[in-house]
Protein backbone atom coordinates (compact mmCIF):
# COMPACT_ATOMS: atom_id res chain seq x y z
CA MET A 1 71.90 118.90 95.83
CA PRO A 2 73.89 117.79 93.47
CA LEU A 3 77.70 118.17 94.48
CA LYS A 4 80.77 116.51 92.25
CA ALA A 5 84.47 117.01 93.92
CA VAL A 6 88.08 117.53 92.04
CA ILE A 7 91.04 115.96 93.56
CA LEU A 8 94.05 118.04 92.27
CA ILE A 9 96.94 114.71 91.65
CA GLY A 10 99.87 117.24 90.14
CA GLY A 11 101.69 115.71 87.76
CA PRO A 12 105.19 113.86 86.85
CA GLN A 13 107.57 117.27 87.07
CA LYS A 14 105.49 117.42 91.06
CA GLY A 15 106.36 115.12 93.92
CA THR A 16 110.40 115.16 92.65
CA ARG A 17 110.55 115.34 96.72
CA PHE A 18 108.92 112.02 97.01
CA ARG A 19 111.92 110.34 94.88
CA PRO A 20 113.00 107.90 94.70
CA LEU A 21 109.13 106.45 95.55
CA SER A 22 107.77 108.45 92.74
CA PHE A 23 110.02 107.02 90.60
CA GLU A 24 107.86 103.65 90.54
CA VAL A 25 104.08 105.20 90.36
CA PRO A 26 102.51 108.22 90.76
CA LYS A 27 102.62 110.12 93.84
CA PRO A 28 98.57 109.97 94.25
CA LEU A 29 98.85 106.08 94.43
CA PHE A 30 102.01 106.02 96.82
CA PRO A 31 100.61 103.43 99.37
CA VAL A 32 99.51 104.98 102.66
CA ALA A 33 97.92 103.07 105.85
CA GLY A 34 97.80 100.37 103.19
CA VAL A 35 95.34 101.92 100.15
CA PRO A 36 96.68 104.51 97.70
CA MET A 37 96.93 107.90 99.34
CA VAL A 38 94.29 109.50 96.67
CA GLN A 39 91.85 106.72 98.21
CA HIS A 40 91.42 108.13 101.70
CA HIS A 41 89.97 111.60 99.63
CA ILE A 42 87.71 109.28 97.36
CA GLU A 43 86.19 107.20 100.65
CA ALA A 44 85.50 110.75 102.06
CA CYS A 45 83.92 112.14 99.19
CA ALA A 46 81.79 109.25 98.18
CA ARG A 47 80.30 109.44 102.20
CA VAL A 48 78.65 113.02 101.05
CA PRO A 49 74.98 112.45 100.61
CA GLY A 50 74.37 114.52 97.00
CA MET A 51 78.01 113.28 95.64
CA LYS A 52 77.29 112.98 91.70
CA GLU A 53 81.00 112.54 90.48
CA ILE A 54 84.54 112.64 91.16
CA LEU A 55 87.19 114.10 89.15
CA LEU A 56 90.86 113.43 89.44
CA LEU A 57 92.55 116.90 87.77
CA GLY A 58 96.54 116.78 86.39
CA PHE A 59 98.76 116.35 83.86
CA TYR A 60 100.00 112.53 84.06
CA GLN A 61 99.65 110.88 80.87
CA PRO A 62 97.11 108.28 80.38
CA HIS A 63 98.98 105.67 82.68
CA GLU A 64 98.05 102.00 83.31
CA ALA A 65 98.30 101.86 87.44
CA LEU A 66 96.09 104.87 87.40
CA SER A 67 93.03 103.69 85.08
CA ARG A 68 93.22 100.22 86.84
CA PHE A 69 92.99 102.24 90.10
CA LEU A 70 90.19 104.27 88.99
CA VAL A 71 88.13 101.41 87.74
CA ALA A 72 88.69 99.71 91.20
CA ALA A 73 87.15 102.52 92.70
CA GLN A 74 84.20 103.01 90.78
CA GLN A 75 83.86 99.33 91.81
CA GLU A 76 83.99 99.77 94.82
CA PHE A 77 82.58 103.37 95.73
CA LYS A 78 80.01 102.92 93.03
CA ILE A 79 80.36 106.04 92.07
CA PRO A 80 81.56 108.02 88.79
CA ILE A 81 85.43 108.31 88.89
CA ARG A 82 87.23 110.32 85.95
CA TYR A 83 90.68 111.27 85.31
CA LEU A 84 90.79 114.68 83.55
CA GLN A 85 94.49 115.35 82.13
CA GLU A 86 95.77 119.30 81.72
CA TYR A 87 97.24 119.54 78.83
CA ALA A 88 100.07 121.55 80.86
CA ALA A 89 100.78 122.26 84.79
CA LEU A 90 97.71 125.10 85.35
CA GLY A 91 98.07 125.84 88.87
CA THR A 92 95.39 125.11 91.44
CA ALA A 93 92.58 127.43 89.55
CA GLY A 94 93.58 126.71 85.75
CA GLY A 95 92.65 123.46 85.71
CA ILE A 96 89.38 123.56 87.04
CA TYR A 97 88.80 126.64 85.12
CA HIS A 98 90.18 124.59 81.93
CA PHE A 99 87.26 122.24 82.80
CA ARG A 100 84.66 123.74 84.42
CA ASP A 101 82.12 122.77 82.01
CA GLN A 102 83.06 119.03 82.86
CA ILE A 103 82.26 120.38 86.97
CA LEU A 104 79.16 121.99 86.04
CA SER A 105 77.78 119.52 83.96
CA GLY A 106 74.41 117.56 85.06
CA GLY A 107 73.39 120.89 87.45
CA THR A 108 76.31 120.74 90.00
CA GLU A 109 75.37 123.40 92.67
CA ALA A 110 78.59 123.36 94.20
CA PHE A 111 81.62 121.33 94.18
CA PHE A 112 84.65 120.33 96.55
CA VAL A 113 88.42 121.03 95.82
CA LEU A 114 90.90 118.85 97.48
CA ASN A 115 94.57 118.62 96.98
CA ALA A 116 96.25 115.10 96.60
CA ASP A 117 99.00 115.57 99.11
CA VAL A 118 97.31 116.04 102.23
CA CYS A 119 95.94 113.93 104.94
CA SER A 120 92.51 114.94 106.55
CA GLU A 121 90.11 113.68 108.65
CA PHE A 122 88.02 115.50 105.44
CA PRO A 123 84.62 116.95 107.17
CA LEU A 124 82.96 117.41 104.01
CA GLN A 125 79.78 117.38 105.43
CA GLU A 126 80.22 120.00 108.62
CA MET A 127 81.85 122.41 105.76
CA LEU A 128 78.53 121.90 103.71
CA GLY A 129 76.55 122.55 107.00
CA PHE A 130 78.91 125.38 107.83
CA GLY A 131 78.25 126.94 104.23
CA GLN A 132 74.64 126.85 104.27
CA ARG A 133 74.64 128.39 107.91
CA HIS A 134 76.55 131.25 106.35
CA GLY A 135 74.19 131.58 103.86
CA ALA A 136 77.27 131.09 101.97
CA ALA A 137 74.67 130.45 99.11
CA HIS A 138 77.28 132.70 96.97
CA GLY A 139 80.15 132.09 99.08
CA PHE A 140 83.35 129.78 99.22
CA VAL A 141 84.78 127.88 102.54
CA ILE A 142 88.34 127.15 103.23
CA LEU A 143 88.99 124.66 105.57
CA GLY A 144 91.69 125.66 107.94
CA THR A 145 93.40 124.49 111.05
CA THR A 146 95.34 126.13 113.75
CA ALA A 147 99.53 125.85 113.52
CA ASN A 148 102.03 127.50 115.80
CA ARG A 149 103.53 130.80 114.54
CA THR A 150 106.83 129.51 113.04
CA GLN A 151 105.42 127.13 111.09
CA ALA A 152 102.42 129.33 109.80
CA LEU A 153 104.95 131.26 107.25
CA ASN A 154 105.54 127.98 105.27
CA TYR A 155 101.78 127.94 104.27
CA GLY A 156 98.41 130.55 103.29
CA CYS A 157 97.39 131.89 106.13
CA ILE A 158 93.79 133.33 106.94
CA VAL A 159 93.10 136.48 108.94
CA ALA A 160 88.96 135.57 109.82
CA ASN A 161 86.34 138.07 111.27
CA ALA A 162 85.55 135.72 114.99
CA ASP A 163 82.20 135.88 114.78
CA THR A 164 81.44 135.35 111.25
CA GLN A 165 84.40 133.29 109.89
CA GLU A 166 84.60 135.80 107.21
CA VAL A 167 87.97 135.62 105.59
CA GLN A 168 89.22 139.19 105.91
CA HIS A 169 93.10 139.12 104.47
CA TYR A 170 94.92 135.90 102.84
CA VAL A 171 98.44 136.15 102.51
CA GLU A 172 100.29 132.82 100.65
CA LYS A 173 103.37 131.98 102.73
CA PRO A 174 104.00 135.86 104.28
CA SER A 175 107.83 136.59 105.66
CA THR A 176 106.31 137.73 108.93
CA PHE A 177 103.45 136.46 111.33
CA VAL A 178 100.08 137.16 109.98
CA SER A 179 98.23 134.56 111.37
CA GLU A 180 98.04 130.82 112.94
CA VAL A 181 94.91 129.61 111.19
CA ILE A 182 96.26 128.37 107.96
CA ASN A 183 94.55 126.77 104.79
CA CYS A 184 94.49 122.99 104.38
CA GLY A 185 93.89 122.96 100.67
CA ILE A 186 90.56 121.44 100.99
CA TYR A 187 87.54 124.37 99.42
CA LEU A 188 83.81 124.09 98.80
CA PHE A 189 83.01 126.05 96.41
CA THR A 190 80.00 127.40 94.26
CA PRO A 191 79.76 127.66 90.37
CA ALA A 192 80.22 131.75 91.47
CA ILE A 193 84.04 130.86 91.96
CA PHE A 194 84.37 130.27 87.79
CA GLN A 195 83.58 134.24 87.57
CA HIS A 196 86.30 135.10 90.07
CA ILE A 197 88.89 132.99 88.46
CA GLY A 198 87.66 134.00 84.66
CA GLU A 199 88.54 137.36 85.86
CA VAL A 200 92.04 136.84 86.90
CA PHE A 201 91.94 134.80 83.50
CA GLN A 202 91.51 138.19 81.51
CA ARG A 203 93.31 140.46 83.24
CA GLN A 204 96.15 137.87 82.55
CA GLN A 205 95.40 137.82 78.82
CA GLN A 206 95.59 142.30 79.04
CA GLU A 207 98.62 141.64 80.53
CA LEU A 208 100.24 139.51 78.37
CA ALA A 209 98.97 141.58 75.77
CA LEU A 210 100.76 144.59 76.44
CA GLU A 211 104.08 142.41 77.14
CA GLU A 212 104.45 141.18 73.37
CA SER A 213 108.11 139.41 74.57
CA SER A 214 106.60 137.79 76.91
CA ASN A 215 107.59 134.13 77.36
CA GLY A 216 105.37 131.31 76.00
CA TRP A 217 105.33 129.39 79.06
CA GLN A 218 103.76 132.39 80.82
CA ARG A 219 100.06 131.27 79.66
CA ALA A 220 96.96 133.42 80.91
CA GLU A 221 95.69 130.12 81.90
CA VAL A 222 98.25 128.93 84.65
CA ILE A 223 96.05 130.46 87.75
CA ARG A 224 96.97 130.06 91.34
CA LEU A 225 93.78 129.79 93.73
CA GLU A 226 95.96 130.53 96.85
CA GLN A 227 97.89 133.73 95.22
CA ASP A 228 95.38 135.10 92.83
CA VAL A 229 91.72 134.19 93.17
CA PHE A 230 91.86 134.15 97.59
CA THR A 231 93.99 137.54 98.24
CA ALA A 232 91.11 139.24 95.73
CA LEU A 233 88.50 137.59 97.57
CA ALA A 234 89.55 138.18 100.82
CA GLY A 235 87.31 140.90 102.48
CA ARG A 236 84.56 141.14 100.08
CA GLY A 237 82.12 138.98 101.86
CA LYS A 238 83.06 135.61 99.68
CA LEU A 239 85.26 133.56 101.84
CA TYR A 240 84.50 132.18 104.70
CA VAL A 241 86.88 129.55 107.07
CA TYR A 242 85.38 126.64 108.31
CA GLN A 243 88.31 125.55 111.44
CA THR A 244 89.08 122.30 112.14
CA GLU A 245 89.84 120.38 115.36
CA GLY A 246 90.62 117.17 113.60
CA PHE A 247 94.08 116.10 112.34
CA TRP A 248 95.59 117.24 109.33
CA SER A 249 99.13 117.08 107.55
CA GLN A 250 101.00 117.64 104.19
CA ILE A 251 102.35 115.18 102.61
CA LYS A 252 105.11 116.44 100.53
CA SER A 253 108.40 113.68 101.32
CA ALA A 254 108.63 110.66 101.72
CA GLY A 255 109.21 110.92 105.27
CA SER A 256 105.81 112.39 105.72
CA ALA A 257 104.02 109.65 104.53
CA ILE A 258 105.08 107.64 107.49
CA TYR A 259 103.46 110.15 109.97
CA ALA A 260 100.53 110.89 107.83
CA SER A 261 100.35 106.65 107.63
CA ARG A 262 99.65 107.17 111.44
CA LEU A 263 97.36 109.12 111.78
CA TYR A 264 94.98 107.40 109.31
CA LEU A 265 96.03 103.60 111.19
CA ASN A 266 94.80 105.76 114.24
CA GLN A 267 91.42 107.19 112.83
CA TYR A 268 90.78 103.30 111.58
CA SER A 269 89.92 102.36 114.86
CA LYS A 270 86.64 104.92 114.11
CA THR A 271 86.31 104.01 110.14
CA HIS A 272 87.68 100.90 109.31
CA PRO A 273 88.23 98.45 112.37
CA GLU A 274 88.31 95.78 109.93
CA ARG A 275 91.67 97.41 108.18
CA LEU A 276 93.69 97.07 111.50
CA ALA A 277 95.27 93.49 112.19
CA GLN A 278 95.00 92.12 115.68
CA ASN A 279 96.66 89.20 117.64
CA LYS A 280 95.85 86.29 117.21
CA PRO A 281 97.00 82.59 118.32
CA GLY A 282 99.27 81.47 115.54
CA GLY A 283 100.06 85.24 113.87
CA PRO A 284 102.61 88.20 114.36
CA ILE A 285 102.60 89.98 117.58
CA ILE A 286 101.14 93.22 116.93
CA ARG A 287 101.59 96.39 118.80
CA GLY A 288 99.23 99.34 118.27
CA ASN A 289 97.86 100.02 114.57
CA VAL A 290 99.23 97.77 111.70
CA TYR A 291 97.59 97.08 108.80
CA ILE A 292 98.72 94.02 106.52
CA HIS A 293 97.27 93.07 103.29
CA PRO A 294 95.89 89.69 103.33
CA THR A 295 98.00 88.26 100.89
CA ALA A 296 101.02 88.87 103.04
CA SER A 297 102.91 85.96 104.87
CA ILE A 298 104.20 86.77 108.53
CA ASP A 299 105.76 84.26 110.84
CA SER A 300 104.38 83.95 114.41
CA THR A 301 107.47 85.47 116.09
CA ALA A 302 107.83 88.34 114.00
CA VAL A 303 106.74 91.56 116.27
CA LEU A 304 105.08 94.93 114.20
CA GLY A 305 103.54 97.88 115.54
CA PRO A 306 103.41 101.02 116.09
CA ASN A 307 102.06 102.17 113.20
CA VAL A 308 103.12 99.77 110.17
CA SER A 309 101.93 98.81 107.33
CA ILE A 310 102.29 96.01 105.20
CA GLY A 311 101.44 95.26 101.64
CA GLU A 312 100.41 92.75 99.06
CA GLY A 313 102.58 89.46 98.84
CA VAL A 314 105.03 91.16 101.77
CA THR A 315 107.00 88.04 103.70
CA VAL A 316 108.19 88.57 106.74
CA GLY A 317 110.71 86.32 108.27
CA ALA A 318 111.13 84.43 112.34
CA GLY A 319 111.91 86.84 115.10
CA VAL A 320 111.69 89.95 112.36
CA ARG A 321 110.60 93.68 114.13
CA VAL A 322 108.88 96.36 112.60
CA ARG A 323 108.22 99.87 113.84
CA GLU A 324 106.89 102.89 112.50
CA SER A 325 107.32 101.95 108.44
CA ILE A 326 105.78 101.07 105.47
CA VAL A 327 107.12 97.86 103.35
CA LEU A 328 105.47 97.85 100.16
CA HIS A 329 104.28 95.07 97.93
CA GLY A 330 106.50 91.98 97.04
CA ALA A 331 109.11 92.92 100.03
CA ALA A 332 111.15 90.18 101.68
CA LEU A 333 112.48 91.02 105.26
CA HIS A 334 114.53 88.08 106.23
CA ASP A 335 114.94 86.43 109.70
CA HIS A 336 115.78 88.53 112.40
CA THR A 337 115.90 91.94 110.51
CA CYS A 338 114.79 94.87 112.79
CA VAL A 339 113.23 98.12 110.47
CA LEU A 340 112.68 101.23 112.38
CA ASN A 341 111.67 104.67 110.52
CA THR A 342 111.76 102.93 107.08
CA ILE A 343 109.92 102.91 103.69
CA VAL A 344 110.92 99.46 102.14
CA GLY A 345 110.31 99.81 98.36
CA TRP A 346 108.60 97.12 95.78
CA ASP A 347 110.30 93.88 95.87
CA SER A 348 112.87 94.82 97.78
CA THR A 349 114.91 92.29 100.06
CA ILE A 350 116.69 92.78 103.26
CA GLY A 351 119.13 90.04 104.27
CA ARG A 352 118.74 88.32 107.79
CA TRP A 353 120.25 89.70 110.93
CA ALA A 354 120.36 93.06 109.12
CA ARG A 355 119.08 96.29 110.63
CA VAL A 356 117.77 99.66 108.64
CA GLU A 357 116.45 102.60 110.49
CA GLY A 358 115.74 106.10 109.97
CA THR A 359 115.24 109.42 111.72
CA PRO A 360 111.74 109.92 112.23
CA SER A 361 110.75 113.45 111.03
CA ASP A 362 107.86 113.92 113.09
CA PRO A 363 106.66 117.39 114.54
CA ASN A 364 106.97 118.27 117.70
CA PRO A 365 104.80 116.48 120.62
CA ASN A 366 104.91 118.66 122.88
CA ASP A 367 103.26 121.03 120.87
CA PRO A 368 99.43 120.53 119.91
CA TYR A 369 99.48 122.84 116.67
CA ALA A 370 103.24 121.61 115.16
CA LYS A 371 102.67 120.59 111.81
CA ILE A 372 105.55 118.38 109.88
CA ASP A 373 108.56 120.14 108.83
CA SER A 374 109.45 119.83 105.09
CA GLU A 375 113.28 119.42 105.80
CA SER A 376 115.63 119.89 102.85
CA LEU A 377 117.54 116.96 101.85
CA PHE A 378 120.69 118.77 102.84
CA ARG A 379 121.92 121.37 105.63
CA ASP A 380 125.19 122.75 105.87
CA GLY A 381 126.21 120.58 102.76
CA ARG A 382 125.53 117.63 104.95
CA LEU A 383 122.69 114.62 104.29
CA THR A 384 119.95 115.65 107.01
CA PRO A 385 118.89 113.21 109.20
CA SER A 386 115.57 111.22 108.17
CA ILE A 387 113.45 108.18 107.48
CA THR A 388 115.74 105.43 105.53
CA ILE A 389 113.67 105.05 102.18
CA LEU A 390 114.55 101.82 100.37
CA GLY A 391 113.88 102.26 96.01
CA CYS A 392 112.20 99.41 94.45
CA SER A 393 114.20 95.91 93.92
CA VAL A 394 117.14 96.71 96.50
CA THR A 395 118.92 94.16 98.14
CA ILE A 396 120.15 94.49 101.75
CA PRO A 397 123.37 91.64 102.49
CA ALA A 398 122.61 90.04 105.86
CA GLU A 399 124.51 91.57 108.93
CA VAL A 400 124.68 95.42 107.90
CA VAL A 401 123.20 98.19 108.93
CA ILE A 402 121.54 100.95 107.02
CA LEU A 403 121.01 103.95 108.89
CA ASN A 404 119.29 107.18 107.91
CA SER A 405 119.97 106.31 103.97
CA ILE A 406 118.41 106.90 100.70
CA VAL A 407 118.95 103.93 98.10
CA LEU A 408 117.83 104.07 94.57
CA PRO A 409 116.31 101.62 92.78
CA HIS A 410 117.74 98.27 91.56
CA LYS A 411 121.04 98.63 94.34
CA GLU A 412 122.04 95.69 95.48
CA LEU A 413 124.80 96.65 98.30
CA SER A 414 127.35 94.91 99.88
CA ARG A 415 128.44 96.88 103.08
CA SER A 416 127.00 98.95 105.77
CA CYS A 417 126.21 102.81 105.32
CA LYS A 418 125.22 105.91 106.96
CA ASN A 419 123.85 109.39 106.19
CA GLN A 420 124.38 108.84 102.62
CA ILE A 421 122.26 108.71 98.96
CA ILE A 422 123.55 105.76 97.51
CA LEU A 423 122.80 106.26 93.45
């Protein structure tokens, strides 16, 4: 069965909550557990039998880093991978509708649509099996997971028939409780979905024609899968939900990247054991799951982990302690630094005996259905305590403490700071 996958990667006005990290690299290429965020999606798609092509869809301008990544990924996964650029942000359904001919070329019988800013086990083959079992030759499948009652309000909520799993009601970010089953942003469609998106498109065109004074930006082509398509399809015997027991989280803010990194590193023991560092004679002390790029230089007295990923060309000095952190390529951690709950930006330097620490933004560990909260940056006029982020080429001097702070790129600090954004 010829299949394709479409990964929605958004564009530069998106990912603002990911600053200052998205200044340097498009958010989908940000490294999570040692590989670009979107590579986890591509690996999952490439494993599905019958996958003919993977399309990345977004409105980033052609970008050298993106082109380099696509060439490398095609060689590694032996599958055609292309980037299709929207002329503007067309919404989650508008983009796939605009490029429907490209998606359907080659006789595509079904295709996956995945949002790039989620981390998941991506049970794509299970979704395919589920679709076939439910006779969903003309039906569509949403991947769902369970959230707790309060957090469910931040997501698309799904009410399904307990026996058939048919979606009877769909509400995006409801104001009152609707259901604990939420939309994971991963879908399986047949070509028939374009008929339903086309109906929305025609309806919007007619509405725009009636409002002659309408604003130019209100294009009929801007269509959202969640609010415009699923809400209308629910209860019509066309939409089903496959509920996963596997891990799932959104990656909206930089803090959620450290949590996503932990989920992927945990999964590596099953899927990519070669990516996990081991304790070896003469090597650093490894605690828990740690990814170390082969080009990194790490002193044998350093202690790393759990949940640490060390990028290309990083140097880590004697007696350094790193935990729950992502250290990006070219960074240098000098002797006896302590780095906790932090993202250390590209080519940044942390001086000797400095301590750089953040506050984890993990979900409640006592609630199996808790999700990560996308906290606002400020609360009651104060910076919300969060992970510490150093932008690229930041220099932290020796013997200072940086706590719960965000440091923008190319800054050279001269003193300690706490709960600050350093512009």
